[in-house]
Amino acid sequence: MSTLRNKVQLIGNLGNDPEIVNLDSGKKLAKFSIATNETYKNNKGERVTDTQWHNVVAWGKTAEVIENYVTKGKEVAIEGKLTSRSYETKQGEKRYLTEIVCNELLLLGK
């Protein structure tokens, strides 16, 4: 059960082409965002679509697959863990970022 403590599974579409970073250590990093859509009817009976954006990062072999096969608009299923971090801007403001570290990727659609 300990593997279920921090697990995220999403199916969505890429908002932009992934950003690929080749680090000095030889590791590869892919950064991208995916949109998930939920459709429901509001109290007036109108159909409403709620879109949520999720920041995703992937390392190593997963990043290589993303670099070679994933582009803007592509539908993907991802599995990973949720992480949070903070950083400071050049102006000294503290910013917080939540992202999914992807360890499995499935290409969907055409």
C-alpha atoms as a PDB file:
ATOM      1  CA  MET A   1       0.000   0.000   0.000  1.00  0.00           C
ATOM      2  CA  SER A   2       2.928   2.387   0.477  1.00  0.00           C
ATOM      3  CA  THR A   3       3.162   2.870  -3.316  1.00  0.00           C
ATOM      4  CA  LEU A   4      -0.327   4.400  -3.316  1.00  0.00           C
ATOM      5  CA  ARG A   5       0.587   7.248  -0.969  1.00  0.00           C
ATOM      6  CA  ASN A   6       1.679   9.699  -3.677  1.00  0.00           C
ATOM      7  CA  LYS A   7       0.412   8.563  -7.066  1.00  0.00           C
ATOM      8  CA  VAL A   8      -1.091  10.643  -9.860  1.00  0.00           C
ATOM      9  CA  GLN A   9      -2.699   9.336 -13.049  1.00  0.00           C
ATOM     10  CA  LEU A  10      -3.937  11.754 -15.711  1.00  0.00           C
ATOM     11  CA  ILE A  11      -5.130  11.645 -19.288  1.00  0.00           C
ATOM     12  CA  GLY A  12      -4.928  14.916 -21.174  1.00  0.00           C
ATOM     13  CA  ASN A  13      -3.611  16.872 -24.134  1.00  0.00           C
ATOM     14  CA  LEU A  14      -0.332  18.779 -24.368  1.00  0.00           C
ATOM     15  CA  GLY A  15      -0.719  22.558 -24.475  1.00  0.00           C
ATOM     16  CA  ASN A  16       2.638  23.133 -26.205  1.00  0.00           C
ATOM     17  CA  ASP A  17       5.564  21.166 -27.554  1.00  0.00           C
ATOM     18  CA  PRO A  18       7.640  19.786 -24.671  1.00  0.00           C
ATOM     19  CA  GLU A  19      10.716  21.723 -23.567  1.00  0.00           C
ATOM     20  CA  ILE A  20      13.738  19.410 -23.625  1.00  0.00           C
ATOM     21  CA  VAL A  21      16.783  20.226 -21.475  1.00  0.00           C
ATOM     22  CA  ASN A  22      20.095  18.371 -21.811  1.00  0.00           C
ATOM     23  CA  LEU A  23      21.906  18.753 -18.491  1.00  0.00           C
ATOM     24  CA  ASP A  24      25.695  18.861 -18.072  1.00  0.00           C
ATOM     25  CA  SER A  25      25.513  15.534 -16.235  1.00  0.00           C
ATOM     26  CA  GLY A  26      24.221  13.905 -19.430  1.00  0.00           C
ATOM     27  CA  LYS A  27      20.680  13.534 -18.072  1.00  0.00           C
ATOM     28  CA  LYS A  28      17.721  14.619 -20.149  1.00  0.00           C
ATOM     29  CA  LEU A  29      14.732  16.542 -18.758  1.00  0.00           C
ATOM     30  CA  ALA A  30      11.359  17.098 -20.456  1.00  0.00           C
ATOM     31  CA  LYS A  31       8.958  19.793 -19.225  1.00  0.00           C
ATOM     32  CA  PHE A  32       5.421  20.176 -20.503  1.00  0.00           C
ATOM     33  CA  SER A  33       1.866  20.888 -19.436  1.00  0.00           C
ATOM     34  CA  ILE A  34      -1.273  18.896 -20.088  1.00  0.00           C
ATOM     35  CA  ALA A  35      -4.901  19.945 -19.994  1.00  0.00           C
ATOM     36  CA  THR A  36      -7.607  17.754 -18.502  1.00  0.00           C
ATOM     37  CA  ASN A  37     -11.269  18.465 -19.202  1.00  0.00           C
ATOM     38  CA  GLU A  38     -14.314  17.768 -17.065  1.00  0.00           C
ATOM     39  CA  THR A  39     -17.789  18.331 -18.473  1.00  0.00           C
ATOM     40  CA  TYR A  40     -20.870  18.801 -16.326  1.00  0.00           C
ATOM     41  CA  LYS A  41     -24.259  20.544 -16.350  1.00  0.00           C
ATOM     42  CA  ASN A  42     -24.706  23.632 -14.189  1.00  0.00           C
ATOM     43  CA  ASN A  43     -27.883  24.490 -12.242  1.00  0.00           C
ATOM     44  CA  LYS A  44     -29.409  26.031 -15.414  1.00  0.00           C
ATOM     45  CA  GLY A  45     -28.923  22.774 -17.297  1.00  0.00           C
ATOM     46  CA  GLU A  46     -26.169  24.233 -19.489  1.00  0.00           C
ATOM     47  CA  ARG A  47     -23.206  22.058 -20.399  1.00  0.00           C
ATOM     48  CA  VAL A  48     -19.973  23.446 -18.908  1.00  0.00           C
ATOM     49  CA  THR A  49     -16.412  22.286 -19.577  1.00  0.00           C
ATOM     50  CA  ASP A  50     -13.838  22.885 -16.860  1.00  0.00           C
ATOM     51  CA  THR A  51     -10.207  22.717 -18.045  1.00  0.00           C
ATOM     52  CA  GLN A  52      -7.381  22.220 -15.556  1.00  0.00           C
ATOM     53  CA  TRP A  53      -3.689  22.618 -16.480  1.00  0.00           C
ATOM     54  CA  HIS A  54      -1.003  20.414 -14.934  1.00  0.00           C
ATOM     55  CA  ASN A  55       2.777  20.962 -15.051  1.00  0.00           C
ATOM     56  CA  VAL A  56       4.701  17.765 -15.771  1.00  0.00           C
ATOM     57  CA  VAL A  57       8.417  16.905 -15.750  1.00  0.00           C
ATOM     58  CA  ALA A  58      10.065  13.680 -16.895  1.00  0.00           C
ATOM     59  CA  TRP A  59      13.655  12.428 -16.687  1.00  0.00           C
ATOM     60  CA  GLY A  60      15.906   9.977 -18.518  1.00  0.00           C
ATOM     61  CA  LYS A  61      14.357   7.427 -20.874  1.00  0.00           C
ATOM     62  CA  THR A  62      10.868   8.833 -20.365  1.00  0.00           C
ATOM     63  CA  ALA A  63      12.165  12.275 -21.421  1.00  0.00           C
ATOM     64  CA  GLU A  64      13.726  10.711 -24.540  1.00  0.00           C
ATOM     65  CA  VAL A  65      10.392   9.133 -25.538  1.00  0.00           C
ATOM     66  CA  ILE A  66       8.682  12.492 -25.020  1.00  0.00           C
ATOM     67  CA  GLU A  67      11.322  14.277 -27.112  1.00  0.00           C
ATOM     68  CA  ASN A  68      10.884  11.839 -30.015  1.00  0.00           C
ATOM     69  CA  TYR A  69       7.131  11.202 -30.060  1.00  0.00           C
ATOM     70  CA  VAL A  70       5.152  13.838 -28.148  1.00  0.00           C
ATOM     71  CA  THR A  71       4.041  17.165 -29.622  1.00  0.00           C
ATOM     72  CA  LYS A  72       1.503  19.908 -28.936  1.00  0.00           C
ATOM     73  CA  GLY A  73      -2.088  18.638 -28.914  1.00  0.00           C
ATOM     74  CA  LYS A  74      -1.104  14.963 -28.488  1.00  0.00           C
ATOM     75  CA  GLU A  75      -3.236  12.973 -26.046  1.00  0.00           C
ATOM     76  CA  VAL A  76      -1.203  11.162 -23.397  1.00  0.00           C
ATOM     77  CA  ALA A  77      -1.767   9.176 -20.220  1.00  0.00           C
ATOM     78  CA  ILE A  78       0.796   9.814 -17.505  1.00  0.00           C
ATOM     79  CA  GLU A  79       1.545   8.296 -14.140  1.00  0.00           C
ATOM     80  CA  GLY A  80       3.832   9.776 -11.542  1.00  0.00           C
ATOM     81  CA  LYS A  81       4.015  11.548  -8.211  1.00  0.00           C
ATOM     82  CA  LEU A  82       3.019  15.022  -7.091  1.00  0.00           C
ATOM     83  CA  THR A  83       5.853  17.300  -5.947  1.00  0.00           C
ATOM     84  CA  SER A  84       6.003  20.865  -4.675  1.00  0.00           C
ATOM     85  CA  ARG A  85       8.979  23.209  -4.636  1.00  0.00           C
ATOM     86  CA  SER A  86       9.705  26.879  -4.207  1.00  0.00           C
ATOM     87  CA  TYR A  87      12.148  29.321  -5.750  1.00  0.00           C
ATOM     88  CA  GLU A  88      12.974  33.001  -5.563  1.00  0.00           C
ATOM     89  CA  THR A  89      12.633  35.389  -8.511  1.00  0.00           C
ATOM     90  CA  LYS A  90      15.267  37.978  -9.428  1.00  0.00           C
ATOM     91  CA  GLN A  91      13.050  40.537  -7.678  1.00  0.00           C
ATOM     92  CA  GLY A  92      13.237  38.522  -4.445  1.00  0.00           C
ATOM     93  CA  GLU A  93       9.663  37.192  -4.562  1.00  0.00           C
ATOM     94  CA  LYS A  94       9.141  33.639  -3.363  1.00  0.00           C
ATOM     95  CA  ARG A  95       7.184  31.464  -5.807  1.00  0.00           C
ATOM     96  CA  TYR A  96       5.701  28.027  -5.281  1.00  0.00           C
ATOM     97  CA  LEU A  97       5.297  25.377  -7.944  1.00  0.00           C
ATOM     98  CA  THR A  98       3.442  22.065  -7.905  1.00  0.00           C
ATOM     99  CA  GLU A  99       4.227  19.580 -10.662  1.00  0.00           C
ATOM    100  CA  ILE A 100       3.928  15.925 -11.527  1.00  0.00           C
ATOM    101  CA  VAL A 101       7.120  13.901 -11.910  1.00  0.00           C
ATOM    102  CA  CYS A 102       6.177  11.465 -14.671  1.00  0.00           C
ATOM    103  CA  ASN A 103       7.608   7.944 -14.512  1.00  0.00           C
ATOM    104  CA  GLU A 104       5.263   6.289 -17.032  1.00  0.00           C
ATOM    105  CA  LEU A 105       3.830   7.613 -20.269  1.00  0.00           C
ATOM    106  CA  LEU A 106       1.310   6.127 -22.679  1.00  0.00           C
ATOM    107  CA  LEU A 107       0.690   7.695 -26.078  1.00  0.00           C
ATOM    108  CA  LEU A 108      -3.016   7.801 -26.934  1.00  0.00           C
ATOM    109  CA  GLY A 109      -5.036   8.849 -29.960  1.00  0.00           C
ATOM    110  CA  LYS A 110      -3.706   9.111 -33.490  1.00  0.00           C
END
